[in-house]
N, C-alpha and C. Protein backbone atom coordinates (compact mmCIF):
# COMPACT_ATOMS: atom_id res chain seq x y z
N UNK A 1 -2.41 5.20 -47.99
CA UNK A 1 -3.50 4.33 -48.42
C UNK A 1 -3.08 2.87 -48.24
N UNK A 2 -3.99 2.06 -47.75
CA UNK A 2 -3.71 0.66 -47.50
C UNK A 2 -3.79 -0.15 -48.79
N UNK A 3 -2.85 -1.08 -48.96
CA UNK A 3 -2.87 -1.92 -50.16
C UNK A 3 -3.56 -3.26 -49.90
N UNK A 4 -3.99 -3.51 -48.66
CA UNK A 4 -4.65 -4.76 -48.31
C UNK A 4 -6.14 -4.64 -48.63
N UNK A 5 -6.71 -5.69 -49.23
CA UNK A 5 -8.15 -5.73 -49.48
C UNK A 5 -8.82 -6.26 -48.22
N UNK A 6 -9.18 -5.35 -47.32
CA UNK A 6 -9.74 -5.74 -46.03
C UNK A 6 -11.08 -6.45 -46.18
N UNK A 7 -11.87 -6.06 -47.17
CA UNK A 7 -13.15 -6.73 -47.40
C UNK A 7 -12.95 -8.20 -47.73
N UNK A 8 -11.96 -8.49 -48.55
CA UNK A 8 -11.66 -9.88 -48.91
C UNK A 8 -11.18 -10.65 -47.69
N UNK A 9 -10.29 -10.04 -46.92
CA UNK A 9 -9.78 -10.71 -45.72
C UNK A 9 -10.93 -10.97 -44.75
N UNK A 10 -11.79 -9.98 -44.53
CA UNK A 10 -12.92 -10.13 -43.62
C UNK A 10 -13.81 -11.29 -44.06
N UNK A 11 -14.18 -11.32 -45.34
CA UNK A 11 -15.09 -12.38 -45.80
C UNK A 11 -14.44 -13.75 -45.76
N UNK A 12 -13.13 -13.81 -45.82
CA UNK A 12 -12.42 -15.09 -45.82
C UNK A 12 -12.21 -15.63 -44.41
N UNK A 13 -11.98 -14.77 -43.42
CA UNK A 13 -11.59 -15.25 -42.10
C UNK A 13 -12.59 -15.00 -40.97
N UNK A 14 -13.58 -14.16 -41.19
CA UNK A 14 -14.53 -13.84 -40.12
C UNK A 14 -15.83 -14.63 -40.28
N UNK A 15 -16.44 -15.02 -39.15
CA UNK A 15 -17.74 -15.69 -39.19
C UNK A 15 -18.76 -14.71 -39.76
N UNK A 16 -19.81 -15.23 -40.33
CA UNK A 16 -20.84 -14.40 -40.97
C UNK A 16 -21.92 -14.00 -39.96
N UNK A 17 -21.52 -13.66 -38.75
CA UNK A 17 -22.48 -13.28 -37.71
C UNK A 17 -22.86 -11.81 -37.79
N UNK A 18 -22.15 -11.05 -38.60
CA UNK A 18 -22.44 -9.62 -38.76
C UNK A 18 -22.12 -9.25 -40.21
N UNK A 19 -22.70 -8.17 -40.70
CA UNK A 19 -22.39 -7.76 -42.08
C UNK A 19 -20.94 -7.31 -42.20
N UNK A 20 -20.48 -7.20 -43.43
CA UNK A 20 -19.12 -6.71 -43.68
C UNK A 20 -18.99 -5.32 -43.06
N UNK A 21 -17.82 -4.98 -42.54
CA UNK A 21 -17.65 -3.68 -41.87
C UNK A 21 -17.80 -2.52 -42.83
N UNK A 22 -18.32 -1.42 -42.30
CA UNK A 22 -18.45 -0.21 -43.09
C UNK A 22 -17.10 0.41 -43.39
N UNK A 23 -16.15 0.20 -42.49
CA UNK A 23 -14.79 0.72 -42.65
C UNK A 23 -13.88 -0.10 -41.75
N UNK A 24 -12.59 -0.05 -42.01
CA UNK A 24 -11.60 -0.69 -41.14
C UNK A 24 -10.90 0.45 -40.41
N UNK A 25 -11.17 0.55 -39.12
CA UNK A 25 -10.66 1.68 -38.35
C UNK A 25 -9.24 1.43 -37.88
N UNK A 26 -8.46 2.50 -37.86
CA UNK A 26 -7.05 2.41 -37.47
C UNK A 26 -6.76 3.13 -36.16
N UNK A 27 -7.47 4.23 -35.90
CA UNK A 27 -7.19 4.98 -34.68
C UNK A 27 -8.39 5.85 -34.33
N UNK A 28 -8.36 6.35 -33.10
CA UNK A 28 -9.42 7.23 -32.66
C UNK A 28 -8.91 8.28 -31.69
N UNK A 29 -9.66 9.35 -31.58
CA UNK A 29 -9.35 10.41 -30.63
C UNK A 29 -10.66 11.07 -30.23
N UNK A 30 -11.01 10.94 -28.96
CA UNK A 30 -12.30 11.48 -28.52
C UNK A 30 -13.43 10.78 -29.23
N UNK A 31 -14.32 11.54 -29.86
CA UNK A 31 -15.47 10.98 -30.57
C UNK A 31 -15.19 10.78 -32.06
N UNK A 32 -13.95 10.98 -32.47
CA UNK A 32 -13.60 10.83 -33.89
C UNK A 32 -12.74 9.59 -34.09
N UNK A 33 -12.94 8.93 -35.22
CA UNK A 33 -12.13 7.78 -35.61
C UNK A 33 -11.68 7.96 -37.05
N UNK A 34 -10.59 7.29 -37.40
CA UNK A 34 -10.07 7.34 -38.77
C UNK A 34 -9.87 5.93 -39.27
N UNK A 35 -10.17 5.72 -40.55
CA UNK A 35 -9.98 4.40 -41.13
C UNK A 35 -8.54 4.24 -41.63
N UNK A 36 -8.24 3.06 -42.15
CA UNK A 36 -6.87 2.76 -42.59
C UNK A 36 -6.44 3.63 -43.76
N UNK A 37 -7.40 4.27 -44.44
CA UNK A 37 -7.07 5.17 -45.55
C UNK A 37 -7.02 6.62 -45.13
N UNK A 38 -7.19 6.90 -43.83
CA UNK A 38 -7.09 8.27 -43.32
C UNK A 38 -8.39 9.05 -43.32
N UNK A 39 -9.49 8.46 -43.74
CA UNK A 39 -10.78 9.16 -43.75
C UNK A 39 -11.34 9.22 -42.33
N UNK A 40 -11.78 10.41 -41.91
CA UNK A 40 -12.30 10.60 -40.56
C UNK A 40 -13.80 10.44 -40.47
N UNK A 41 -14.26 10.00 -39.31
CA UNK A 41 -15.69 9.81 -39.03
C UNK A 41 -15.97 10.26 -37.60
N UNK A 42 -17.22 10.63 -37.33
CA UNK A 42 -17.68 10.79 -35.96
C UNK A 42 -18.15 9.43 -35.48
N UNK A 43 -17.72 8.99 -34.33
CA UNK A 43 -18.08 7.68 -33.80
C UNK A 43 -19.38 7.80 -33.02
N UNK A 44 -20.49 7.64 -33.71
CA UNK A 44 -21.80 7.72 -33.08
C UNK A 44 -22.20 6.41 -32.41
N UNK A 45 -21.47 5.33 -32.66
CA UNK A 45 -21.87 4.03 -32.14
C UNK A 45 -21.25 3.69 -30.80
N UNK A 46 -20.16 4.32 -30.44
CA UNK A 46 -19.50 4.08 -29.15
C UNK A 46 -19.28 2.59 -28.90
N UNK A 47 -18.83 1.88 -29.93
CA UNK A 47 -18.60 0.44 -29.76
C UNK A 47 -19.87 -0.29 -29.41
N UNK A 48 -21.01 0.15 -29.98
CA UNK A 48 -22.33 -0.37 -29.65
C UNK A 48 -22.51 -0.31 -28.12
N UNK A 49 -22.33 0.86 -27.58
CA UNK A 49 -22.54 1.16 -26.16
C UNK A 49 -21.53 0.50 -25.23
N UNK A 50 -20.41 0.08 -25.75
CA UNK A 50 -19.37 -0.53 -24.92
C UNK A 50 -18.32 0.51 -24.53
N UNK A 51 -18.03 1.42 -25.43
CA UNK A 51 -16.97 2.39 -25.19
C UNK A 51 -17.51 3.81 -25.36
N UNK A 52 -18.34 4.22 -24.45
CA UNK A 52 -18.90 5.56 -24.52
C UNK A 52 -17.94 6.61 -23.99
N UNK A 53 -16.73 6.20 -23.63
CA UNK A 53 -15.74 7.13 -23.10
C UNK A 53 -14.96 7.84 -24.19
N UNK A 54 -15.13 7.44 -25.43
CA UNK A 54 -14.35 8.02 -26.52
C UNK A 54 -13.04 7.26 -26.68
N UNK A 55 -12.20 7.79 -27.51
CA UNK A 55 -10.95 7.11 -27.87
C UNK A 55 -9.74 7.93 -27.45
N UNK A 56 -8.77 7.26 -26.87
CA UNK A 56 -7.44 7.79 -26.59
C UNK A 56 -7.41 8.98 -25.64
N UNK A 57 -8.41 9.13 -24.77
CA UNK A 57 -8.36 10.20 -23.79
C UNK A 57 -7.19 9.90 -22.84
N UNK A 58 -6.35 10.91 -22.54
CA UNK A 58 -5.17 10.66 -21.70
C UNK A 58 -5.47 9.98 -20.36
N UNK A 59 -6.55 10.34 -19.70
CA UNK A 59 -6.87 9.71 -18.41
C UNK A 59 -7.21 8.24 -18.60
N UNK A 60 -7.94 7.92 -19.66
CA UNK A 60 -8.30 6.53 -19.95
C UNK A 60 -7.04 5.74 -20.32
N UNK A 61 -6.20 6.30 -21.19
CA UNK A 61 -4.96 5.63 -21.60
C UNK A 61 -4.07 5.38 -20.39
N UNK A 62 -3.94 6.37 -19.51
CA UNK A 62 -3.12 6.20 -18.30
C UNK A 62 -3.68 5.10 -17.40
N UNK A 63 -5.00 5.09 -17.20
CA UNK A 63 -5.61 4.08 -16.33
C UNK A 63 -5.43 2.68 -16.90
N UNK A 64 -5.71 2.52 -18.19
CA UNK A 64 -5.58 1.19 -18.82
C UNK A 64 -4.13 0.76 -18.86
N UNK A 65 -3.23 1.68 -19.23
CA UNK A 65 -1.80 1.35 -19.29
C UNK A 65 -1.27 0.98 -17.92
N UNK A 66 -1.66 1.73 -16.91
CA UNK A 66 -1.21 1.44 -15.55
C UNK A 66 -1.68 0.08 -15.08
N UNK A 67 -2.96 -0.24 -15.37
CA UNK A 67 -3.47 -1.54 -14.96
C UNK A 67 -2.79 -2.66 -15.75
N UNK A 68 -2.61 -2.47 -17.06
CA UNK A 68 -1.96 -3.50 -17.89
C UNK A 68 -0.51 -3.72 -17.46
N UNK A 69 0.13 -2.70 -16.92
CA UNK A 69 1.51 -2.84 -16.45
C UNK A 69 1.58 -3.67 -15.16
N UNK A 70 0.44 -3.76 -14.44
CA UNK A 70 0.40 -4.55 -13.21
C UNK A 70 -0.20 -5.93 -13.47
N UNK A 71 -1.43 -5.96 -13.95
CA UNK A 71 -2.16 -7.20 -14.24
C UNK A 71 -3.08 -6.93 -15.42
N UNK A 72 -3.05 -7.81 -16.42
CA UNK A 72 -3.94 -7.62 -17.57
C UNK A 72 -5.28 -8.30 -17.36
N UNK A 73 -5.27 -9.50 -16.79
CA UNK A 73 -6.50 -10.24 -16.56
C UNK A 73 -6.30 -11.16 -15.37
N UNK A 74 -7.31 -11.28 -14.57
CA UNK A 74 -7.27 -12.17 -13.42
C UNK A 74 -8.53 -13.03 -13.47
N UNK A 75 -8.38 -14.34 -13.39
CA UNK A 75 -9.56 -15.21 -13.41
C UNK A 75 -10.35 -15.02 -12.13
N UNK A 76 -11.55 -15.59 -12.12
CA UNK A 76 -12.38 -15.43 -10.93
C UNK A 76 -11.95 -16.35 -9.79
N UNK A 77 -10.83 -17.04 -9.93
CA UNK A 77 -10.25 -17.78 -8.81
C UNK A 77 -9.41 -16.87 -7.92
N UNK A 78 -9.21 -15.64 -8.36
CA UNK A 78 -8.44 -14.65 -7.62
C UNK A 78 -9.23 -13.35 -7.56
N UNK A 79 -8.75 -12.41 -6.79
CA UNK A 79 -9.36 -11.08 -6.72
C UNK A 79 -8.25 -10.04 -6.81
N UNK A 80 -8.63 -8.81 -7.09
CA UNK A 80 -7.68 -7.70 -7.09
C UNK A 80 -8.21 -6.61 -6.16
N UNK A 81 -7.33 -5.76 -5.67
CA UNK A 81 -7.78 -4.67 -4.80
C UNK A 81 -8.76 -3.74 -5.51
N UNK A 82 -8.50 -3.32 -6.77
CA UNK A 82 -9.49 -2.47 -7.44
C UNK A 82 -10.86 -3.14 -7.59
N UNK A 83 -10.88 -4.45 -7.83
CA UNK A 83 -12.13 -5.19 -7.95
C UNK A 83 -12.90 -5.15 -6.63
N UNK A 84 -12.20 -5.38 -5.52
CA UNK A 84 -12.86 -5.36 -4.21
C UNK A 84 -13.32 -3.96 -3.84
N UNK A 85 -12.52 -2.94 -4.18
CA UNK A 85 -12.93 -1.56 -3.93
C UNK A 85 -14.19 -1.22 -4.72
N UNK A 86 -14.24 -1.66 -5.99
CA UNK A 86 -15.43 -1.42 -6.81
C UNK A 86 -16.65 -2.13 -6.21
N UNK A 87 -16.48 -3.38 -5.79
CA UNK A 87 -17.59 -4.14 -5.20
C UNK A 87 -18.11 -3.46 -3.94
N UNK A 88 -17.20 -2.98 -3.10
CA UNK A 88 -17.65 -2.26 -1.89
C UNK A 88 -18.41 -1.00 -2.25
N UNK A 89 -17.92 -0.27 -3.23
CA UNK A 89 -18.59 0.97 -3.63
C UNK A 89 -19.96 0.68 -4.22
N UNK A 90 -20.06 -0.36 -5.06
CA UNK A 90 -21.35 -0.70 -5.66
C UNK A 90 -22.36 -1.15 -4.60
N UNK A 91 -21.94 -1.94 -3.63
CA UNK A 91 -22.89 -2.35 -2.59
C UNK A 91 -23.36 -1.15 -1.78
N UNK A 92 -22.45 -0.23 -1.52
CA UNK A 92 -22.81 0.98 -0.77
C UNK A 92 -23.79 1.83 -1.58
N UNK A 93 -23.51 2.03 -2.88
CA UNK A 93 -24.37 2.88 -3.70
C UNK A 93 -25.72 2.23 -4.01
N UNK A 94 -25.72 0.91 -4.22
CA UNK A 94 -26.94 0.20 -4.60
C UNK A 94 -27.77 -0.22 -3.40
N UNK A 95 -27.19 -0.19 -2.21
CA UNK A 95 -27.93 -0.58 -1.02
C UNK A 95 -28.05 -2.09 -0.86
N UNK A 96 -27.23 -2.83 -1.57
CA UNK A 96 -27.25 -4.29 -1.43
C UNK A 96 -26.09 -4.74 -0.56
N UNK A 97 -25.93 -6.06 -0.48
CA UNK A 97 -24.81 -6.56 0.32
C UNK A 97 -23.80 -7.35 -0.50
N UNK A 98 -24.13 -7.67 -1.77
CA UNK A 98 -23.21 -8.41 -2.64
C UNK A 98 -23.38 -7.95 -4.08
N UNK A 99 -22.33 -8.14 -4.88
CA UNK A 99 -22.40 -7.83 -6.30
C UNK A 99 -21.84 -9.00 -7.09
N UNK A 100 -22.22 -9.07 -8.36
CA UNK A 100 -21.63 -10.01 -9.30
C UNK A 100 -21.12 -9.19 -10.46
N UNK A 101 -19.82 -9.18 -10.67
CA UNK A 101 -19.24 -8.44 -11.78
C UNK A 101 -19.25 -9.36 -13.01
N UNK A 102 -19.88 -8.91 -14.08
CA UNK A 102 -20.08 -9.74 -15.27
C UNK A 102 -19.28 -9.20 -16.45
N UNK A 103 -19.06 -10.08 -17.43
CA UNK A 103 -18.33 -9.69 -18.64
C UNK A 103 -19.25 -9.21 -19.74
N UNK A 104 -20.55 -9.49 -19.65
CA UNK A 104 -21.46 -9.15 -20.73
C UNK A 104 -22.87 -9.01 -20.20
N UNK A 105 -23.71 -8.42 -21.03
CA UNK A 105 -25.11 -8.27 -20.66
C UNK A 105 -25.82 -9.59 -20.53
N UNK A 106 -25.52 -10.53 -21.44
CA UNK A 106 -26.21 -11.81 -21.34
C UNK A 106 -25.75 -12.60 -20.12
N UNK A 107 -24.51 -12.40 -19.69
CA UNK A 107 -24.05 -13.03 -18.46
C UNK A 107 -24.81 -12.45 -17.26
N UNK A 108 -25.10 -11.16 -17.30
CA UNK A 108 -25.87 -10.54 -16.23
C UNK A 108 -27.31 -11.04 -16.23
N UNK A 109 -27.90 -11.22 -17.43
CA UNK A 109 -29.26 -11.76 -17.52
C UNK A 109 -29.28 -13.17 -16.96
N UNK A 110 -28.29 -13.98 -17.34
CA UNK A 110 -28.22 -15.35 -16.82
C UNK A 110 -28.13 -15.35 -15.30
N UNK A 111 -27.31 -14.48 -14.75
CA UNK A 111 -27.17 -14.41 -13.29
C UNK A 111 -28.51 -14.04 -12.65
N UNK A 112 -29.23 -13.10 -13.24
CA UNK A 112 -30.53 -12.71 -12.69
C UNK A 112 -31.52 -13.86 -12.74
N UNK A 113 -31.50 -14.62 -13.85
CA UNK A 113 -32.41 -15.77 -13.97
C UNK A 113 -32.04 -16.83 -12.94
N UNK A 114 -30.74 -17.11 -12.79
CA UNK A 114 -30.33 -18.11 -11.80
C UNK A 114 -30.69 -17.66 -10.38
N UNK A 115 -30.52 -16.38 -10.11
CA UNK A 115 -30.90 -15.87 -8.79
C UNK A 115 -32.39 -16.07 -8.56
N UNK A 116 -33.18 -15.81 -9.58
CA UNK A 116 -34.63 -16.01 -9.48
C UNK A 116 -34.94 -17.48 -9.20
N UNK A 117 -34.25 -18.36 -9.89
CA UNK A 117 -34.47 -19.80 -9.67
C UNK A 117 -34.12 -20.19 -8.24
N UNK A 118 -33.04 -19.64 -7.72
CA UNK A 118 -32.61 -20.01 -6.36
C UNK A 118 -33.55 -19.49 -5.29
N UNK A 119 -34.36 -18.50 -5.63
CA UNK A 119 -35.32 -18.00 -4.64
C UNK A 119 -36.59 -18.83 -4.62
N UNK A 120 -36.67 -19.86 -5.48
CA UNK A 120 -37.82 -20.75 -5.48
C UNK A 120 -38.93 -20.36 -6.41
N UNK A 121 -38.77 -19.34 -7.21
CA UNK A 121 -39.84 -18.91 -8.11
C UNK A 121 -39.77 -19.60 -9.47
N UNK A 122 -38.73 -20.39 -9.71
CA UNK A 122 -38.60 -21.09 -10.98
C UNK A 122 -37.87 -22.40 -10.72
N UNK A 123 -38.36 -23.50 -11.28
CA UNK A 123 -37.78 -24.79 -10.95
C UNK A 123 -36.99 -25.44 -12.08
N UNK A 124 -36.88 -24.81 -13.22
CA UNK A 124 -36.18 -25.47 -14.32
C UNK A 124 -34.68 -25.22 -14.24
N UNK A 125 -33.91 -26.06 -14.93
CA UNK A 125 -32.46 -25.90 -14.94
C UNK A 125 -32.03 -25.26 -16.24
N UNK A 126 -30.81 -24.79 -16.29
CA UNK A 126 -30.32 -24.15 -17.50
C UNK A 126 -29.38 -25.09 -18.24
N UNK A 127 -29.36 -24.97 -19.56
CA UNK A 127 -28.46 -25.80 -20.37
C UNK A 127 -27.25 -25.00 -20.84
N UNK A 128 -27.33 -23.70 -20.77
CA UNK A 128 -26.28 -22.86 -21.33
C UNK A 128 -26.22 -21.55 -20.58
N UNK A 129 -25.03 -20.97 -20.48
CA UNK A 129 -24.92 -19.68 -19.81
C UNK A 129 -25.66 -18.60 -20.56
N UNK A 130 -25.78 -18.71 -21.88
CA UNK A 130 -26.38 -17.66 -22.69
C UNK A 130 -27.84 -17.92 -23.04
N UNK A 131 -28.36 -19.04 -22.64
CA UNK A 131 -29.71 -19.41 -23.01
C UNK A 131 -30.78 -18.42 -22.57
N UNK A 132 -30.81 -17.98 -21.30
CA UNK A 132 -31.85 -17.02 -20.92
C UNK A 132 -31.79 -15.72 -21.70
N UNK A 133 -30.59 -15.27 -22.03
CA UNK A 133 -30.49 -14.04 -22.82
C UNK A 133 -31.09 -14.27 -24.20
N UNK A 134 -30.89 -15.46 -24.78
CA UNK A 134 -31.49 -15.77 -26.08
C UNK A 134 -33.01 -15.81 -25.96
N UNK A 135 -33.51 -16.37 -24.84
CA UNK A 135 -34.96 -16.42 -24.62
C UNK A 135 -35.55 -15.02 -24.56
N UNK A 136 -34.81 -14.13 -23.94
CA UNK A 136 -35.34 -12.78 -23.71
C UNK A 136 -35.48 -11.97 -24.99
N UNK A 137 -34.95 -12.46 -26.10
CA UNK A 137 -35.06 -11.72 -27.34
C UNK A 137 -36.49 -11.61 -27.82
N UNK A 138 -37.34 -12.54 -27.37
CA UNK A 138 -38.74 -12.49 -27.78
C UNK A 138 -39.02 -13.25 -29.05
N UNK A 139 -38.01 -13.89 -29.63
CA UNK A 139 -38.24 -14.71 -30.82
C UNK A 139 -39.27 -15.77 -30.47
N UNK A 140 -40.40 -15.83 -31.20
CA UNK A 140 -41.45 -16.79 -30.83
C UNK A 140 -40.95 -18.22 -30.73
N UNK A 141 -40.10 -18.66 -31.66
CA UNK A 141 -39.62 -20.04 -31.59
C UNK A 141 -38.75 -20.27 -30.37
N UNK A 142 -37.88 -19.33 -30.03
CA UNK A 142 -37.04 -19.47 -28.84
C UNK A 142 -37.87 -19.39 -27.58
N UNK A 143 -38.83 -18.48 -27.56
CA UNK A 143 -39.65 -18.29 -26.37
C UNK A 143 -40.47 -19.55 -26.08
N UNK A 144 -41.12 -20.11 -27.11
CA UNK A 144 -41.93 -21.32 -26.90
C UNK A 144 -41.06 -22.49 -26.45
N UNK A 145 -39.91 -22.65 -27.10
CA UNK A 145 -39.08 -23.82 -26.84
C UNK A 145 -38.27 -23.72 -25.55
N UNK A 146 -37.89 -22.52 -25.16
CA UNK A 146 -36.89 -22.38 -24.12
C UNK A 146 -37.34 -21.69 -22.84
N UNK A 147 -38.44 -20.98 -22.85
CA UNK A 147 -38.83 -20.22 -21.66
C UNK A 147 -39.16 -21.13 -20.50
N UNK A 148 -38.60 -20.83 -19.34
CA UNK A 148 -38.91 -21.64 -18.16
C UNK A 148 -40.29 -21.30 -17.64
N UNK A 149 -40.86 -22.18 -16.83
CA UNK A 149 -42.15 -21.86 -16.22
C UNK A 149 -42.05 -20.55 -15.43
N UNK A 150 -43.05 -19.73 -15.56
CA UNK A 150 -43.06 -18.47 -14.83
C UNK A 150 -42.36 -17.33 -15.56
N UNK A 151 -41.78 -17.59 -16.73
CA UNK A 151 -41.11 -16.53 -17.49
C UNK A 151 -42.16 -15.58 -18.02
N UNK A 152 -41.99 -14.31 -17.75
CA UNK A 152 -42.98 -13.32 -18.16
C UNK A 152 -42.33 -12.31 -19.09
N UNK A 153 -42.96 -12.06 -20.23
CA UNK A 153 -42.48 -11.03 -21.15
C UNK A 153 -43.37 -9.81 -20.96
N UNK A 154 -42.74 -8.63 -20.92
CA UNK A 154 -43.49 -7.40 -20.73
C UNK A 154 -43.21 -6.46 -21.87
N UNK A 155 -44.14 -5.59 -22.18
CA UNK A 155 -43.85 -4.55 -23.17
C UNK A 155 -42.71 -3.67 -22.68
N UNK A 156 -41.86 -3.23 -23.57
CA UNK A 156 -40.71 -2.40 -23.24
C UNK A 156 -41.16 -1.12 -22.55
N UNK A 157 -40.57 -0.83 -21.43
CA UNK A 157 -40.80 0.40 -20.66
C UNK A 157 -42.26 0.62 -20.26
N UNK A 158 -42.98 -0.45 -20.02
CA UNK A 158 -44.37 -0.33 -19.60
C UNK A 158 -44.43 -0.37 -18.08
N UNK A 159 -44.68 0.78 -17.47
CA UNK A 159 -44.77 0.84 -16.01
C UNK A 159 -45.96 0.03 -15.50
N UNK A 160 -47.05 0.07 -16.26
CA UNK A 160 -48.24 -0.68 -15.85
C UNK A 160 -47.95 -2.18 -15.82
N UNK A 161 -47.31 -2.72 -16.88
CA UNK A 161 -46.99 -4.15 -16.93
C UNK A 161 -45.99 -4.50 -15.83
N UNK A 162 -45.00 -3.65 -15.63
CA UNK A 162 -44.00 -3.91 -14.60
C UNK A 162 -44.63 -3.96 -13.22
N UNK A 163 -45.54 -3.04 -12.96
CA UNK A 163 -46.21 -3.02 -11.64
C UNK A 163 -47.07 -4.26 -11.47
N UNK A 164 -47.75 -4.70 -12.54
CA UNK A 164 -48.59 -5.89 -12.45
C UNK A 164 -47.75 -7.14 -12.18
N UNK A 165 -46.61 -7.27 -12.85
CA UNK A 165 -45.74 -8.42 -12.64
C UNK A 165 -45.17 -8.38 -11.23
N UNK A 166 -44.78 -7.20 -10.76
CA UNK A 166 -44.25 -7.07 -9.40
C UNK A 166 -45.29 -7.48 -8.36
N UNK A 167 -46.54 -7.04 -8.56
CA UNK A 167 -47.62 -7.40 -7.62
C UNK A 167 -47.84 -8.91 -7.62
N UNK A 168 -47.86 -9.54 -8.80
CA UNK A 168 -48.12 -10.98 -8.86
C UNK A 168 -46.96 -11.78 -8.27
N UNK A 169 -45.74 -11.27 -8.38
CA UNK A 169 -44.57 -11.98 -7.82
C UNK A 169 -44.58 -11.96 -6.30
N UNK A 170 -45.18 -10.91 -5.71
CA UNK A 170 -45.23 -10.81 -4.25
C UNK A 170 -46.33 -11.66 -3.65
N UNK A 171 -47.32 -12.02 -4.48
CA UNK A 171 -48.44 -12.77 -3.92
C UNK A 171 -48.24 -14.27 -4.05
């Protein structure tokens, strides 16, 4: 059993951007995790869709350990062979000719918005890398204040709305 008051430490040192944690996890195996007091849980959240591979699978541990033994991080001023192999595979599978490897979903949204701007369909500039992702949340105040000209919001998973926007973009 842990003698540290993790709730107190969390409230003292962490930003208030999320609620206090439900538990302080110490280890995982497959879809199960254990907290610092040894209580087990099924990990239904998968790191909020970041780690759907489970925990401590030998193939994953070997791959990560092997890569960390060679290079842990490389800035975008350099490239690695695995990165280039992945880019080639993605272009082949997606039918495109280039890829942009991103660190987050909002970085990918920003890249898509900038690509749209470069094609001439939007003329405004961006003030922040994360701004378009914030706009896309649909918050009325953010949408009114920050949406660029031509920004279109569609109902989630609406094929009819998507087809209408696609038709209007081509004309």
